[in-house]
Amino acid sequence: MANPTWFLLVQSIQASVAIVGGAVAAYFGIRSARDSVLTRREEQKWKKANLARQMMKEMESDPDTQLVYDAIDYDQITIDISGNKTTINNKFLDEAISGKKFPLSEEEIEIRAKFDKLFVQLERFEHAIKRELIEFEDIKHYFHYYVRQMSHNKYVREYLSAFHFSLALDFLNRFS
């Protein structure tokens, strides 16, 4: 007949091994799950950065964007609009986007259309940020100078409000 003490000892060892084995399995399971979550977060971060980069490239490749940036950046520039050389200065821009001057000249209409195009692009960025498709941190360095220039112009803010560019206005406010 088997010794009951020996039997209890073997049962205790088996239970201890099972507990330790379960704890080790749980540890490695939790560790694997954590590593999987961290990897997924890193992949998401890169996907967001790539989408932001793609949106930036699309915007940079648009010649109208560069023209608007030049108009914002310089006190006066001369550009070709519909075959006419047009001088654009702060007064011209203010009249074109103030929303208070009617009728607009052909050149003012053209400039306003280019600004509208930029504002739509800014709205796309703001929408993507709000939907957490991109991170603001990935794009703010690119926009910082030009957006601050625009956000200091009362006519730009009035125009955005009057023509319901609410997401573009939200985007500008990120830099205030």
Protein backbone atom coordinates (compact mmCIF):
# COMPACT_ATOMS: atom_id res chain seq x y z
CA MET A 1 0.00 0.00 0.00
CA ALA A 2 1.19 3.48 -0.82
CA ASN A 3 2.31 5.85 1.84
CA PRO A 4 -0.34 8.61 2.24
CA THR A 5 2.34 11.16 3.07
CA TRP A 6 4.18 10.35 -0.11
CA PHE A 7 0.95 10.66 -2.09
CA LEU A 8 0.20 14.10 -0.58
CA LEU A 9 3.74 15.25 -1.31
CA VAL A 10 3.44 14.22 -4.96
CA GLN A 11 0.06 15.98 -5.20
CA SER A 12 1.53 19.12 -3.67
CA ILE A 13 4.44 19.10 -6.11
CA GLN A 14 2.06 18.57 -9.04
CA ALA A 15 -0.13 21.46 -7.89
CA SER A 16 2.93 23.70 -7.41
CA VAL A 17 4.26 22.82 -10.87
CA ALA A 18 0.82 23.50 -12.38
CA ILE A 19 0.58 26.87 -10.61
CA VAL A 20 4.09 27.89 -11.66
CA GLY A 21 3.46 26.65 -15.20
CA GLY A 22 0.21 28.60 -15.35
CA ALA A 23 1.90 31.72 -14.03
CA VAL A 24 4.73 31.42 -16.58
CA ALA A 25 2.22 30.85 -19.40
CA ALA A 26 0.17 33.84 -18.23
CA TYR A 27 3.31 36.01 -18.04
CA PHE A 28 4.36 35.12 -21.58
CA GLY A 29 0.79 35.49 -22.83
CA ILE A 30 0.50 38.97 -21.32
CA ARG A 31 3.95 39.91 -22.58
CA SER A 32 3.08 38.72 -26.09
CA ALA A 33 -0.19 40.66 -26.04
CA ARG A 34 1.59 43.80 -24.81
CA ASP A 35 4.25 43.47 -27.54
CA SER A 36 1.49 43.01 -30.10
CA VAL A 37 -0.29 46.18 -28.90
CA LEU A 38 2.98 48.15 -28.96
CA THR A 39 3.76 46.91 -32.47
CA ARG A 40 0.27 47.84 -33.64
CA ARG A 41 0.59 51.32 -32.14
CA GLU A 42 3.91 51.80 -33.90
CA GLU A 43 2.42 50.62 -37.19
CA GLN A 44 -0.51 53.03 -36.75
CA LYS A 45 1.89 55.86 -36.01
CA TRP A 46 3.76 55.16 -39.26
CA LYS A 47 0.52 54.87 -41.25
CA LYS A 48 -0.61 58.25 -39.91
CA ALA A 49 2.76 59.82 -40.73
CA ASN A 50 2.68 58.36 -44.25
CA LEU A 51 -0.84 59.68 -44.85
CA ALA A 52 0.23 63.11 -43.60
CA ARG A 53 3.27 63.01 -45.90
CA GLN A 54 1.06 61.96 -48.84
CA MET A 55 -1.36 64.82 -48.16
CA MET A 56 1.55 67.26 -47.90
CA LYS A 57 3.06 66.09 -51.20
CA GLU A 58 -0.30 66.48 -52.90
CA MET A 59 -0.61 70.01 -51.56
CA GLU A 60 2.99 70.97 -52.39
CA SER A 61 2.61 69.78 -55.97
CA ASP A 62 -0.23 72.24 -56.54
CA PRO A 63 1.13 75.44 -58.14
CA ASP A 64 -1.84 77.40 -56.79
CA THR A 65 -0.73 76.62 -53.24
CA GLN A 66 2.71 78.06 -53.92
CA LEU A 67 1.18 81.14 -55.50
CA VAL A 68 -1.01 81.75 -52.43
CA TYR A 69 1.99 81.22 -50.15
CA ASP A 70 3.98 83.73 -52.21
CA ALA A 71 1.10 86.22 -52.04
CA ILE A 72 1.03 85.81 -48.25
CA ASP A 73 4.79 85.95 -47.89
CA TYR A 74 5.69 88.99 -49.99
CA ASP A 75 4.45 92.55 -49.73
CA GLN A 76 4.05 92.64 -53.49
CA ILE A 77 4.40 90.13 -56.31
CA THR A 78 3.51 90.16 -59.98
CA ILE A 79 1.84 87.08 -61.41
CA ASP A 80 0.18 86.04 -64.63
CA ILE A 81 -3.58 85.66 -64.35
CA SER A 82 -5.46 84.80 -67.53
CA GLY A 83 -2.61 86.18 -69.63
CA ASN A 84 -2.47 89.49 -67.73
CA LYS A 85 0.36 90.57 -65.48
CA THR A 86 -1.22 91.36 -62.14
CA THR A 87 0.43 92.97 -59.16
CA ILE A 88 -0.71 91.48 -55.90
CA ASN A 89 -0.12 93.36 -52.68
CA ASN A 90 -1.77 93.41 -49.27
CA LYS A 91 -4.47 95.86 -50.39
CA PHE A 92 -5.31 93.68 -53.40
CA LEU A 93 -5.51 90.56 -51.18
CA ASP A 94 -7.62 92.28 -48.57
CA GLU A 95 -10.09 93.44 -51.21
CA ALA A 96 -10.19 90.02 -52.88
CA ILE A 97 -10.86 88.06 -49.71
CA SER A 98 -12.63 90.58 -47.53
CA GLY A 99 -15.98 89.53 -48.91
CA LYS A 100 -17.03 93.19 -48.87
CA LYS A 101 -16.10 94.33 -52.36
CA PHE A 102 -18.48 93.61 -55.22
CA PRO A 103 -18.14 93.17 -58.05
CA LEU A 104 -14.70 91.60 -57.99
CA SER A 105 -12.31 91.99 -60.89
CA GLU A 106 -11.34 88.92 -62.88
CA GLU A 107 -7.96 88.90 -61.14
CA GLU A 108 -9.57 89.13 -57.68
CA ILE A 109 -11.91 86.27 -58.54
CA GLU A 110 -8.94 84.18 -59.64
CA ILE A 111 -6.99 84.91 -56.45
CA ARG A 112 -10.06 84.20 -54.33
CA ALA A 113 -10.46 80.84 -56.11
CA LYS A 114 -6.83 79.99 -55.31
CA PHE A 115 -7.36 80.91 -51.65
CA ASP A 116 -10.55 78.84 -51.61
CA LYS A 117 -8.58 75.89 -52.92
CA LEU A 118 -6.02 76.34 -50.13
CA PHE A 119 -8.78 76.65 -47.53
CA VAL A 120 -10.34 73.40 -48.77
CA GLN A 121 -6.95 71.72 -48.37
CA LEU A 122 -6.64 73.09 -44.84
CA GLU A 123 -10.11 71.72 -44.12
CA ARG A 124 -8.98 68.29 -45.32
CA PHE A 125 -6.06 68.41 -42.88
CA GLU A 126 -8.27 69.48 -39.99
CA HIS A 127 -10.80 66.78 -40.79
CA ALA A 128 -8.03 64.14 -40.89
CA ILE A 129 -6.70 65.37 -37.55
CA LYS A 130 -10.14 65.29 -35.93
CA ARG A 131 -10.77 61.78 -37.27
CA GLU A 132 -7.33 60.79 -35.91
CA LEU A 133 -6.13 59.78 -39.37
CA ILE A 134 -3.06 62.01 -39.01
CA GLU A 135 -1.32 63.70 -36.10
CA PHE A 136 -1.05 67.47 -35.88
CA GLU A 137 2.54 67.07 -34.69
CA ASP A 138 3.46 65.52 -38.07
CA ILE A 139 2.40 68.58 -40.06
CA LYS A 140 2.56 71.65 -37.83
CA HIS A 141 6.15 72.51 -38.73
CA TYR A 142 5.22 72.81 -42.39
CA PHE A 143 2.27 75.12 -41.87
CA HIS A 144 3.51 77.15 -38.93
CA TYR A 145 4.77 80.22 -40.80
CA TYR A 146 2.03 80.58 -43.43
CA VAL A 147 -0.86 79.76 -41.13
CA ARG A 148 0.33 82.28 -38.58
CA GLN A 149 0.54 84.87 -41.36
CA MET A 150 -3.04 84.08 -42.42
CA SER A 151 -4.42 83.89 -38.90
CA HIS A 152 -3.21 87.44 -38.19
CA ASN A 153 -5.21 88.76 -41.15
CA LYS A 154 -8.68 89.77 -40.01
CA TYR A 155 -10.05 89.47 -43.55
CA VAL A 156 -8.96 85.83 -43.78
CA ARG A 157 -10.76 85.02 -40.54
CA GLU A 158 -13.86 86.95 -41.61
CA TYR A 159 -13.82 85.24 -45.01
CA LEU A 160 -13.52 81.78 -43.46
CA SER A 161 -16.44 82.52 -41.16
CA ALA A 162 -18.62 84.14 -43.82
CA PHE A 163 -18.12 81.33 -46.32
CA HIS A 164 -18.37 78.50 -43.77
CA PHE A 165 -14.82 77.23 -43.86
CA SER A 166 -15.21 76.17 -40.23
CA LEU A 167 -12.63 73.38 -40.36
CA ALA A 168 -10.07 75.71 -41.95
CA LEU A 169 -10.77 78.21 -39.17
CA ASP A 170 -10.29 75.44 -36.60
CA PHE A 171 -7.00 74.59 -38.27
CA LEU A 172 -5.82 78.21 -38.04
CA ASN A 173 -6.83 78.29 -34.38
CA ARG A 174 -4.46 75.41 -33.65
CA PHE A 175 -1.62 77.88 -34.25
CA SER A 176 -2.97 80.71 -32.11
